[in-house]
Structures are given as structure tokens and as C-alpha cells.
Amino acid sequence: MKKRFLEIGKIVSTHGVRGEVKVLPWCDSAEFLTEFEELYFDEGKTPVHIENARVHKGMAILKLDGVETMDAANTYRGKVLYMDREDVELAPGTYFIQDLIGLAVVDADTGEEYGTLSDVTQTGANDVYHIRTPQGKEYLIPAIEQVIEKTDIAGGKLLIHPLEGLFE
């Protein structure tokens, strides 16, 4: 079952003296993090309204509703922020990494199951999927259209055309 609330970043420090916080993004970009009017603490249990948001040196700077001083902002240091997946409409063919983790990785031609998608590394050029076999060995595959045949979140499978020699 998909989690409704997903981790989006962590408050790492204050910014200035007017109660702003600096957030390390755990999403594609700091810009994406600044698009929300409401985020959440405590795995989605506690909503917080975002009064203002901007990007500064790769970090998101947020002004949380009701936080007016540096001391008040400092009490949020180390807290994880969550987003509600219902607040985002993903483009076709894009997925939350959270939803990819745990998919069975299957050969699209032979039906052979190679393992489970255990992690995703974002390289800039393309994502790299980490595939863990039942024996604990890890393989890396590029998330490119020549390799990825179909991503079936509902069915729990990632169908691939493996590069020659990859799983040997």
C-alpha cells in the first residue's frame, strides 16, 4: 500500500532572524519543495502552513506560519517535513522513489525474476536502480528506455531488458 505522506526534506538550521528555516531537500530539487502551501510534521499528523518559500544555494528557505523569531525557528531543527502525495500530480512515466522501492525486477522477455529494486541513485543524466538478488548481491541498472520496459506499481513489478552480461 502506498504511503499517503512522503518525506520531502529535513530542517537543518535557521535562516536569518525572522523565523525562517533552511531545509535540505530529499526530493528532486529545492524548487519542488517550495511549491507547497502546506507540509506536515510527524509522518503527516501535524500540518504546517508555509507562508513563504524560496531557494537559496540549493536549499529551500521556508517561513512557517506562526514562527516569527530565530529562537522559535530553532526549535524545528532536525525535524523531517512530509508532503501529501495527493497535493502532487505526477507527469506520465514519473514515480515517487518511495513507490519504486520493493518492486520485483523481472526480465520482460523471459519472465526471470532478478531481485528487488532496493534503492535509486539520481545521477543527473539518468537514475540508476539498485537491484538486490535473493542471495544479497547488488546490481546497478540505468533507468533508461532501452532497459526499462514497463513500471507496474500496482502489480509490484519492474519489467526490464537487461544489458548484455549484466546479471552473469
N, C-alpha and C. Protein backbone atom coordinates (compact mmCIF):
# COMPACT_ATOMS: atom_id res chain seq x y z
N MET A 1 0.84 -1.18 0.00
CA MET A 1 0.00 0.00 0.00
C MET A 1 0.88 1.24 0.00
N LYS A 2 0.54 2.19 -0.85
CA LYS A 2 1.31 3.42 -0.94
C LYS A 2 1.08 4.28 0.30
N LYS A 3 2.18 4.85 0.79
CA LYS A 3 2.06 5.79 1.89
C LYS A 3 1.49 7.10 1.36
N ARG A 4 0.57 7.68 2.12
CA ARG A 4 -0.02 8.95 1.70
C ARG A 4 0.97 10.10 1.90
N PHE A 5 1.71 10.08 3.01
CA PHE A 5 2.65 11.15 3.32
C PHE A 5 4.07 10.67 3.08
N LEU A 6 4.82 11.45 2.30
CA LEU A 6 6.19 11.08 1.92
C LEU A 6 7.17 12.11 2.45
N GLU A 7 8.33 11.63 2.90
CA GLU A 7 9.38 12.53 3.37
C GLU A 7 9.83 13.41 2.21
N ILE A 8 9.97 14.70 2.47
CA ILE A 8 10.35 15.62 1.40
C ILE A 8 11.62 16.41 1.75
N GLY A 9 11.96 16.48 3.03
CA GLY A 9 13.17 17.21 3.42
C GLY A 9 13.32 17.29 4.92
N LYS A 10 14.45 17.82 5.33
CA LYS A 10 14.75 17.92 6.76
C LYS A 10 15.22 19.34 7.07
N ILE A 11 14.68 19.90 8.14
CA ILE A 11 15.09 21.23 8.59
C ILE A 11 16.47 21.09 9.24
N VAL A 12 17.44 21.80 8.67
CA VAL A 12 18.82 21.65 9.15
C VAL A 12 19.29 22.84 9.97
N SER A 13 18.66 24.01 9.78
CA SER A 13 19.08 25.18 10.57
C SER A 13 18.07 26.31 10.37
N THR A 14 18.34 27.40 11.06
CA THR A 14 17.54 28.60 10.86
C THR A 14 18.18 29.43 9.75
N HIS A 15 17.44 30.42 9.28
CA HIS A 15 17.97 31.32 8.25
C HIS A 15 17.52 32.73 8.61
N GLY A 16 18.46 33.56 8.97
CA GLY A 16 18.14 34.93 9.34
C GLY A 16 17.51 35.01 10.73
N VAL A 17 16.92 36.17 11.02
CA VAL A 17 16.38 36.41 12.36
C VAL A 17 14.86 36.50 12.39
N ARG A 18 14.20 36.27 11.25
CA ARG A 18 12.74 36.43 11.17
C ARG A 18 11.97 35.12 11.20
N GLY A 19 12.61 34.06 11.66
CA GLY A 19 11.89 32.81 11.85
C GLY A 19 11.88 31.87 10.67
N GLU A 20 12.75 32.08 9.70
CA GLU A 20 12.82 31.18 8.56
C GLU A 20 13.68 29.96 8.90
N VAL A 21 13.39 28.85 8.22
CA VAL A 21 14.18 27.62 8.41
C VAL A 21 14.79 27.22 7.07
N LYS A 22 15.96 26.60 7.15
CA LYS A 22 16.65 26.09 5.98
C LYS A 22 16.39 24.58 5.90
N VAL A 23 15.92 24.13 4.73
CA VAL A 23 15.52 22.74 4.56
C VAL A 23 16.39 22.06 3.51
N LEU A 24 16.99 20.94 3.89
CA LEU A 24 17.73 20.10 2.96
C LEU A 24 16.70 19.27 2.21
N PRO A 25 16.59 19.44 0.88
CA PRO A 25 15.56 18.71 0.14
C PRO A 25 15.90 17.23 -0.01
N TRP A 26 14.89 16.39 0.20
CA TRP A 26 15.00 14.95 -0.04
C TRP A 26 14.13 14.59 -1.24
N CYS A 27 14.02 15.52 -2.15
CA CYS A 27 13.22 15.34 -3.35
C CYS A 27 14.09 15.74 -4.54
N ASP A 28 13.51 15.79 -5.72
CA ASP A 28 14.29 16.08 -6.92
C ASP A 28 15.02 17.42 -6.86
N SER A 29 14.39 18.42 -6.25
CA SER A 29 15.03 19.73 -6.21
C SER A 29 14.45 20.57 -5.09
N ALA A 30 15.20 21.59 -4.70
CA ALA A 30 14.70 22.53 -3.71
C ALA A 30 13.51 23.30 -4.27
N GLU A 31 13.51 23.54 -5.58
CA GLU A 31 12.39 24.23 -6.22
C GLU A 31 11.08 23.47 -6.02
N PHE A 32 11.12 22.15 -6.17
CA PHE A 32 9.92 21.34 -5.97
C PHE A 32 9.40 21.50 -4.55
N LEU A 33 10.29 21.51 -3.60
CA LEU A 33 9.89 21.65 -2.19
C LEU A 33 9.20 22.98 -1.91
N THR A 34 9.56 24.02 -2.65
CA THR A 34 8.99 25.35 -2.39
C THR A 34 7.61 25.54 -3.02
N GLU A 35 7.11 24.56 -3.75
CA GLU A 35 5.81 24.68 -4.42
C GLU A 35 4.62 24.43 -3.50
N PHE A 36 4.84 23.99 -2.28
CA PHE A 36 3.75 23.59 -1.40
C PHE A 36 3.29 24.73 -0.50
N GLU A 37 1.99 24.80 -0.30
CA GLU A 37 1.42 25.75 0.65
C GLU A 37 1.29 25.13 2.04
N GLU A 38 1.27 23.80 2.06
CA GLU A 38 1.16 23.10 3.33
C GLU A 38 2.03 21.85 3.29
N LEU A 39 2.80 21.68 4.36
CA LEU A 39 3.60 20.48 4.56
C LEU A 39 3.21 19.92 5.92
N TYR A 40 3.89 18.86 6.34
CA TYR A 40 3.48 18.16 7.56
C TYR A 40 4.69 17.72 8.37
N PHE A 41 4.47 17.65 9.68
CA PHE A 41 5.42 17.03 10.59
C PHE A 41 4.81 15.72 11.07
N ASP A 42 5.59 14.93 11.79
CA ASP A 42 5.10 13.72 12.46
C ASP A 42 4.41 12.75 11.50
N GLU A 43 5.09 12.46 10.38
CA GLU A 43 4.60 11.50 9.38
C GLU A 43 3.22 11.86 8.86
N GLY A 44 2.92 13.15 8.77
CA GLY A 44 1.66 13.61 8.21
C GLY A 44 0.60 13.95 9.23
N LYS A 45 0.90 13.80 10.50
CA LYS A 45 -0.11 14.03 11.54
C LYS A 45 -0.29 15.51 11.89
N THR A 46 0.75 16.32 11.68
CA THR A 46 0.71 17.72 12.09
C THR A 46 0.93 18.63 10.88
N PRO A 47 -0.12 19.27 10.36
CA PRO A 47 0.05 20.17 9.22
C PRO A 47 0.72 21.48 9.63
N VAL A 48 1.47 22.04 8.70
CA VAL A 48 2.09 23.35 8.92
C VAL A 48 1.94 24.15 7.62
N HIS A 49 1.40 25.37 7.75
CA HIS A 49 1.20 26.23 6.59
C HIS A 49 2.51 26.94 6.27
N ILE A 50 2.83 27.01 4.98
CA ILE A 50 4.04 27.67 4.52
C ILE A 50 3.66 29.08 4.06
N GLU A 51 4.12 30.09 4.76
CA GLU A 51 3.81 31.48 4.41
C GLU A 51 4.58 31.94 3.18
N ASN A 52 5.84 31.50 3.10
CA ASN A 52 6.72 31.95 2.02
C ASN A 52 7.79 30.88 1.82
N ALA A 53 8.23 30.73 0.58
CA ALA A 53 9.27 29.74 0.29
C ALA A 53 10.11 30.22 -0.89
N ARG A 54 11.40 29.95 -0.80
CA ARG A 54 12.31 30.30 -1.89
C ARG A 54 13.52 29.36 -1.83
N VAL A 55 14.33 29.41 -2.88
CA VAL A 55 15.54 28.60 -2.95
C VAL A 55 16.74 29.50 -2.74
N HIS A 56 17.70 29.01 -1.95
CA HIS A 56 18.94 29.73 -1.70
C HIS A 56 20.08 28.71 -1.61
N LYS A 57 20.99 28.77 -2.58
CA LYS A 57 22.16 27.88 -2.60
C LYS A 57 21.78 26.41 -2.49
N GLY A 58 20.80 26.00 -3.26
CA GLY A 58 20.40 24.60 -3.30
C GLY A 58 19.55 24.13 -2.14
N MET A 59 19.23 25.01 -1.25
CA MET A 59 18.39 24.68 -0.09
C MET A 59 17.07 25.42 -0.21
N ALA A 60 16.04 24.89 0.43
CA ALA A 60 14.76 25.57 0.49
C ALA A 60 14.72 26.40 1.77
N ILE A 61 14.33 27.63 1.64
CA ILE A 61 14.16 28.51 2.79
C ILE A 61 12.65 28.69 2.97
N LEU A 62 12.13 28.25 4.11
CA LEU A 62 10.70 28.29 4.36
C LEU A 62 10.38 29.19 5.55
N LYS A 63 9.30 29.92 5.42
CA LYS A 63 8.74 30.70 6.53
C LYS A 63 7.48 29.96 6.96
N LEU A 64 7.55 29.33 8.12
CA LEU A 64 6.42 28.56 8.65
C LEU A 64 5.45 29.49 9.36
N ASP A 65 4.17 29.24 9.19
CA ASP A 65 3.13 30.04 9.83
C ASP A 65 3.30 30.02 11.35
N GLY A 66 3.31 31.20 11.95
CA GLY A 66 3.40 31.31 13.41
C GLY A 66 4.80 31.31 13.97
N VAL A 67 5.80 31.12 13.14
CA VAL A 67 7.19 31.12 13.59
C VAL A 67 7.79 32.48 13.22
N GLU A 68 8.04 33.31 14.24
CA GLU A 68 8.41 34.71 13.98
C GLU A 68 9.84 35.06 14.37
N THR A 69 10.51 34.20 15.14
CA THR A 69 11.86 34.54 15.61
C THR A 69 12.84 33.41 15.30
N MET A 70 14.12 33.75 15.36
CA MET A 70 15.14 32.76 15.14
C MET A 70 15.07 31.67 16.22
N ASP A 71 14.82 32.06 17.46
CA ASP A 71 14.72 31.07 18.54
C ASP A 71 13.55 30.11 18.31
N ALA A 72 12.41 30.63 17.86
CA ALA A 72 11.25 29.78 17.58
C ALA A 72 11.58 28.84 16.41
N ALA A 73 12.24 29.36 15.39
CA ALA A 73 12.61 28.53 14.23
C ALA A 73 13.59 27.44 14.64
N ASN A 74 14.48 27.74 15.57
CA ASN A 74 15.49 26.78 16.01
C ASN A 74 14.87 25.54 16.67
N THR A 75 13.67 25.67 17.21
CA THR A 75 13.02 24.50 17.84
C THR A 75 12.64 23.45 16.82
N TYR A 76 12.62 23.81 15.53
CA TYR A 76 12.27 22.86 14.47
C TYR A 76 13.49 22.19 13.84
N ARG A 77 14.68 22.58 14.27
CA ARG A 77 15.91 21.99 13.73
C ARG A 77 15.89 20.46 13.90
N GLY A 78 16.18 19.76 12.82
CA GLY A 78 16.24 18.30 12.85
C GLY A 78 14.91 17.62 12.53
N LYS A 79 13.84 18.39 12.40
CA LYS A 79 12.54 17.80 12.10
C LYS A 79 12.42 17.48 10.61
N VAL A 80 11.77 16.37 10.32
CA VAL A 80 11.54 15.94 8.94
C VAL A 80 10.19 16.49 8.49
N LEU A 81 10.18 17.01 7.27
CA LEU A 81 8.95 17.50 6.66
C LEU A 81 8.39 16.44 5.71
N TYR A 82 7.08 16.35 5.67
CA TYR A 82 6.38 15.39 4.81
C TYR A 82 5.45 16.15 3.87
N MET A 83 5.22 15.57 2.71
CA MET A 83 4.24 16.10 1.76
C MET A 83 3.11 15.09 1.61
N ASP A 84 1.95 15.58 1.24
CA ASP A 84 0.81 14.73 0.95
C ASP A 84 0.85 14.40 -0.54
N ARG A 85 0.93 13.13 -0.89
CA ARG A 85 1.03 12.74 -2.29
C ARG A 85 -0.16 13.25 -3.10
N GLU A 86 -1.28 13.49 -2.44
CA GLU A 86 -2.46 13.98 -3.16
C GLU A 86 -2.31 15.44 -3.60
N ASP A 87 -1.28 16.13 -3.09
CA ASP A 87 -1.02 17.51 -3.48
C ASP A 87 -0.19 17.61 -4.76
N VAL A 88 0.22 16.46 -5.32
CA VAL A 88 1.10 16.46 -6.48
C VAL A 88 0.49 15.61 -7.58
N GLU A 89 0.51 16.15 -8.79
CA GLU A 89 0.11 15.37 -9.96
C GLU A 89 1.37 15.08 -10.76
N LEU A 90 1.78 13.81 -10.78
CA LEU A 90 2.99 13.44 -11.49
C LEU A 90 2.73 13.32 -12.99
N ALA A 91 3.73 13.68 -13.76
CA ALA A 91 3.64 13.50 -15.21
C ALA A 91 3.65 12.01 -15.53
N PRO A 92 3.04 11.61 -16.63
CA PRO A 92 3.07 10.20 -17.02
C PRO A 92 4.51 9.69 -17.11
N GLY A 93 4.72 8.50 -16.58
CA GLY A 93 6.05 7.90 -16.62
C GLY A 93 6.99 8.35 -15.52
N THR A 94 6.50 9.17 -14.58
CA THR A 94 7.31 9.55 -13.44
C THR A 94 6.68 8.98 -12.17
N TYR A 95 7.53 8.68 -11.21
CA TYR A 95 7.08 7.99 -10.00
C TYR A 95 7.80 8.54 -8.79
N PHE A 96 7.18 8.38 -7.64
CA PHE A 96 7.88 8.66 -6.39
C PHE A 96 8.84 7.50 -6.14
N ILE A 97 10.06 7.80 -5.73
CA ILE A 97 11.05 6.76 -5.43
C ILE A 97 10.49 5.79 -4.40
N GLN A 98 9.77 6.32 -3.42
CA GLN A 98 9.14 5.51 -2.38
C GLN A 98 8.31 4.38 -2.99
N ASP A 99 7.64 4.65 -4.12
CA ASP A 99 6.77 3.65 -4.75
C ASP A 99 7.56 2.63 -5.55
N LEU A 100 8.77 2.98 -5.98
CA LEU A 100 9.60 2.05 -6.75
C LEU A 100 10.30 1.03 -5.86
N ILE A 101 10.67 1.46 -4.66
CA ILE A 101 11.40 0.57 -3.75
C ILE A 101 10.52 -0.64 -3.43
N GLY A 102 11.10 -1.82 -3.62
CA GLY A 102 10.38 -3.05 -3.32
C GLY A 102 9.77 -3.73 -4.54
N LEU A 103 9.82 -3.08 -5.71
CA LEU A 103 9.29 -3.73 -6.91
C LEU A 103 10.13 -4.94 -7.29
N ALA A 104 9.47 -6.00 -7.73
CA ALA A 104 10.18 -7.16 -8.26
C ALA A 104 10.70 -6.79 -9.64
N VAL A 105 11.97 -7.10 -9.90
CA VAL A 105 12.60 -6.78 -11.18
C VAL A 105 12.60 -8.06 -12.02
N VAL A 106 11.89 -7.99 -13.16
CA VAL A 106 11.62 -9.18 -13.97
C VAL A 106 12.06 -8.92 -15.41
N ASP A 107 12.67 -9.95 -16.03
CA ASP A 107 13.05 -9.88 -17.43
C ASP A 107 11.78 -9.85 -18.28
N ALA A 108 11.63 -8.83 -19.11
CA ALA A 108 10.42 -8.66 -19.92
C ALA A 108 10.27 -9.75 -20.97
N ASP A 109 11.38 -10.37 -21.38
CA ASP A 109 11.33 -11.40 -22.43
C ASP A 109 11.19 -12.81 -21.88
N THR A 110 11.92 -13.11 -20.80
CA THR A 110 11.94 -14.50 -20.29
C THR A 110 11.08 -14.70 -19.05
N GLY A 111 10.72 -13.63 -18.35
CA GLY A 111 9.96 -13.76 -17.11
C GLY A 111 10.82 -14.08 -15.90
N GLU A 112 12.14 -14.18 -16.11
CA GLU A 112 13.05 -14.48 -14.99
C GLU A 112 13.07 -13.32 -14.01
N GLU A 113 12.94 -13.63 -12.73
CA GLU A 113 12.97 -12.58 -11.71
C GLU A 113 14.40 -12.46 -11.20
N TYR A 114 14.94 -11.22 -11.26
CA TYR A 114 16.32 -10.97 -10.87
C TYR A 114 16.46 -10.59 -9.40
N GLY A 115 15.48 -9.96 -8.85
CA GLY A 115 15.56 -9.50 -7.48
C GLY A 115 14.56 -8.38 -7.23
N THR A 116 14.91 -7.53 -6.28
CA THR A 116 14.03 -6.45 -5.85
C THR A 116 14.73 -5.11 -6.00
N LEU A 117 14.00 -4.11 -6.45
CA LEU A 117 14.55 -2.77 -6.52
C LEU A 117 14.70 -2.26 -5.10
N SER A 118 15.95 -2.01 -4.69
CA SER A 118 16.22 -1.68 -3.29
C SER A 118 16.59 -0.22 -3.05
N ASP A 119 17.01 0.50 -4.10
CA ASP A 119 17.39 1.89 -3.93
C ASP A 119 17.45 2.55 -5.30
N VAL A 120 17.44 3.87 -5.31
CA VAL A 120 17.56 4.65 -6.54
C VAL A 120 18.61 5.72 -6.30
N THR A 121 19.58 5.81 -7.22
CA THR A 121 20.57 6.88 -7.17
C THR A 121 20.27 7.83 -8.31
N GLN A 122 20.19 9.11 -7.99
CA GLN A 122 19.93 10.12 -9.01
C GLN A 122 21.27 10.73 -9.42
N THR A 123 21.66 10.48 -10.67
CA THR A 123 22.98 10.91 -11.14
C THR A 123 22.95 12.22 -11.91
N GLY A 124 21.78 12.66 -12.30
CA GLY A 124 21.68 13.86 -13.13
C GLY A 124 21.38 13.48 -14.57
N ALA A 125 22.18 12.58 -15.14
CA ALA A 125 21.93 12.15 -16.51
C ALA A 125 20.72 11.23 -16.56
N ASN A 126 20.70 10.24 -15.69
CA ASN A 126 19.57 9.33 -15.56
C ASN A 126 19.66 8.69 -14.17
N ASP A 127 18.55 8.18 -13.71
CA ASP A 127 18.56 7.48 -12.43
C ASP A 127 19.23 6.12 -12.61
N VAL A 128 19.75 5.60 -11.51
CA VAL A 128 20.33 4.26 -11.50
C VAL A 128 19.58 3.45 -10.45
N TYR A 129 19.04 2.31 -10.87
CA TYR A 129 18.29 1.45 -9.97
C TYR A 129 19.21 0.39 -9.38
N HIS A 130 19.10 0.20 -8.07
CA HIS A 130 19.86 -0.82 -7.35
C HIS A 130 18.96 -2.04 -7.23
N ILE A 131 19.44 -3.17 -7.75
CA ILE A 131 18.67 -4.41 -7.71
C ILE A 131 19.37 -5.38 -6.76
N ARG A 132 18.65 -5.82 -5.74
CA ARG A 132 19.20 -6.77 -4.77
C ARG A 132 18.61 -8.14 -5.04
N THR A 133 19.50 -9.13 -5.24
CA THR A 133 19.07 -10.50 -5.50
C THR A 133 18.70 -11.18 -4.19
N PRO A 134 18.00 -12.32 -4.25
CA PRO A 134 17.69 -13.06 -3.02
C PRO A 134 18.96 -13.51 -2.27
N GLN A 135 20.08 -13.64 -2.99
CA GLN A 135 21.35 -14.03 -2.36
C GLN A 135 22.08 -12.83 -1.75
N GLY A 136 21.53 -11.63 -1.92
CA GLY A 136 22.13 -10.45 -1.32
C GLY A 136 23.09 -9.68 -2.22
N LYS A 137 23.28 -10.15 -3.44
CA LYS A 137 24.16 -9.45 -4.37
C LYS A 137 23.41 -8.25 -4.95
N GLU A 138 24.14 -7.16 -5.22
CA GLU A 138 23.52 -5.96 -5.75
C GLU A 138 24.02 -5.68 -7.17
N TYR A 139 23.07 -5.34 -8.04
CA TYR A 139 23.38 -4.95 -9.41
C TYR A 139 22.83 -3.55 -9.62
N LEU A 140 23.47 -2.80 -10.51
CA LEU A 140 23.02 -1.46 -10.85
C LEU A 140 22.59 -1.44 -12.30
N ILE A 141 21.40 -0.89 -12.55
CA ILE A 141 20.93 -0.76 -13.93
C ILE A 141 20.52 0.68 -14.19
N PRO A 142 20.81 1.18 -15.39
CA PRO A 142 20.39 2.54 -15.71
C PRO A 142 18.89 2.59 -15.98
N ALA A 143 18.24 3.61 -15.50
CA ALA A 143 16.80 3.77 -15.74
C ALA A 143 16.62 4.54 -17.05
N ILE A 144 16.88 3.84 -18.14
CA ILE A 144 16.74 4.42 -19.48
C ILE A 144 15.76 3.58 -20.26
N GLU A 145 15.18 4.18 -21.31
CA GLU A 145 14.12 3.49 -22.03
C GLU A 145 14.59 2.22 -22.74
N GLN A 146 15.87 2.09 -23.05
CA GLN A 146 16.38 0.86 -23.66
C GLN A 146 16.37 -0.31 -22.67
N VAL A 147 16.37 -0.01 -21.38
CA VAL A 147 16.41 -1.04 -20.35
C VAL A 147 15.04 -1.24 -19.70
N ILE A 148 14.37 -0.16 -19.37
CA ILE A 148 13.09 -0.26 -18.65
C ILE A 148 11.96 -0.45 -19.65
N GLU A 149 11.31 -1.59 -19.60
CA GLU A 149 10.18 -1.88 -20.48
C GLU A 149 8.89 -1.32 -19.90
N LYS A 150 8.63 -1.61 -18.62
CA LYS A 150 7.37 -1.17 -18.01
C LYS A 150 7.53 -1.11 -16.50
N THR A 151 7.01 -0.04 -15.92
CA THR A 151 6.96 0.11 -14.47
C THR A 151 5.52 -0.09 -14.05
N ASP A 152 5.27 -1.18 -13.34
CA ASP A 152 3.91 -1.53 -12.93
C ASP A 152 3.82 -1.44 -11.40
N ILE A 153 3.53 -0.22 -10.91
CA ILE A 153 3.47 0.00 -9.46
C ILE A 153 2.38 -0.87 -8.85
N ALA A 154 1.18 -0.85 -9.46
CA ALA A 154 0.05 -1.61 -8.92
C ALA A 154 0.32 -3.10 -8.90
N GLY A 155 1.02 -3.59 -9.91
CA GLY A 155 1.34 -5.02 -9.99
C GLY A 155 2.60 -5.41 -9.25
N GLY A 156 3.36 -4.40 -8.77
CA GLY A 156 4.56 -4.67 -8.00
C GLY A 156 5.74 -5.16 -8.81
N LYS A 157 5.78 -4.80 -10.12
CA LYS A 157 6.86 -5.29 -10.99
C LYS A 157 7.50 -4.18 -11.80
N LEU A 158 8.77 -4.38 -12.06
CA LEU A 158 9.52 -3.56 -12.99
C LEU A 158 10.02 -4.50 -14.08
N LEU A 159 9.50 -4.36 -15.29
CA LEU A 159 9.91 -5.22 -16.41
C LEU A 159 11.07 -4.55 -17.12
N ILE A 160 12.15 -5.33 -17.33
CA ILE A 160 13.36 -4.76 -17.93
C ILE A 160 13.87 -5.62 -19.07
N HIS A 161 14.68 -5.01 -19.90
CA HIS A 161 15.51 -5.69 -20.90
C HIS A 161 16.94 -5.48 -20.42
N PRO A 162 17.51 -6.45 -19.70
CA PRO A 162 18.84 -6.22 -19.11
C PRO A 162 19.92 -6.04 -20.16
N LEU A 163 20.89 -5.20 -19.83
CA LEU A 163 22.05 -5.04 -20.70
C LEU A 163 22.81 -6.37 -20.76
N GLU A 164 23.40 -6.64 -21.88
CA GLU A 164 24.09 -7.91 -22.07
C GLU A 164 25.16 -8.12 -21.01
N GLY A 165 25.12 -9.28 -20.36
CA GLY A 165 26.11 -9.64 -19.35
C GLY A 165 25.89 -9.07 -17.98
N LEU A 166 24.85 -8.28 -17.79
CA LEU A 166 24.63 -7.60 -16.52
C LEU A 166 24.43 -8.56 -15.34
N PHE A 167 23.62 -9.58 -15.52
CA PHE A 167 23.29 -10.48 -14.41
C PHE A 167 24.09 -11.79 -14.47
N GLU A 168 25.19 -11.81 -15.17
CA GLU A 168 26.01 -13.04 -15.27
C GLU A 168 27.09 -13.05 -14.22
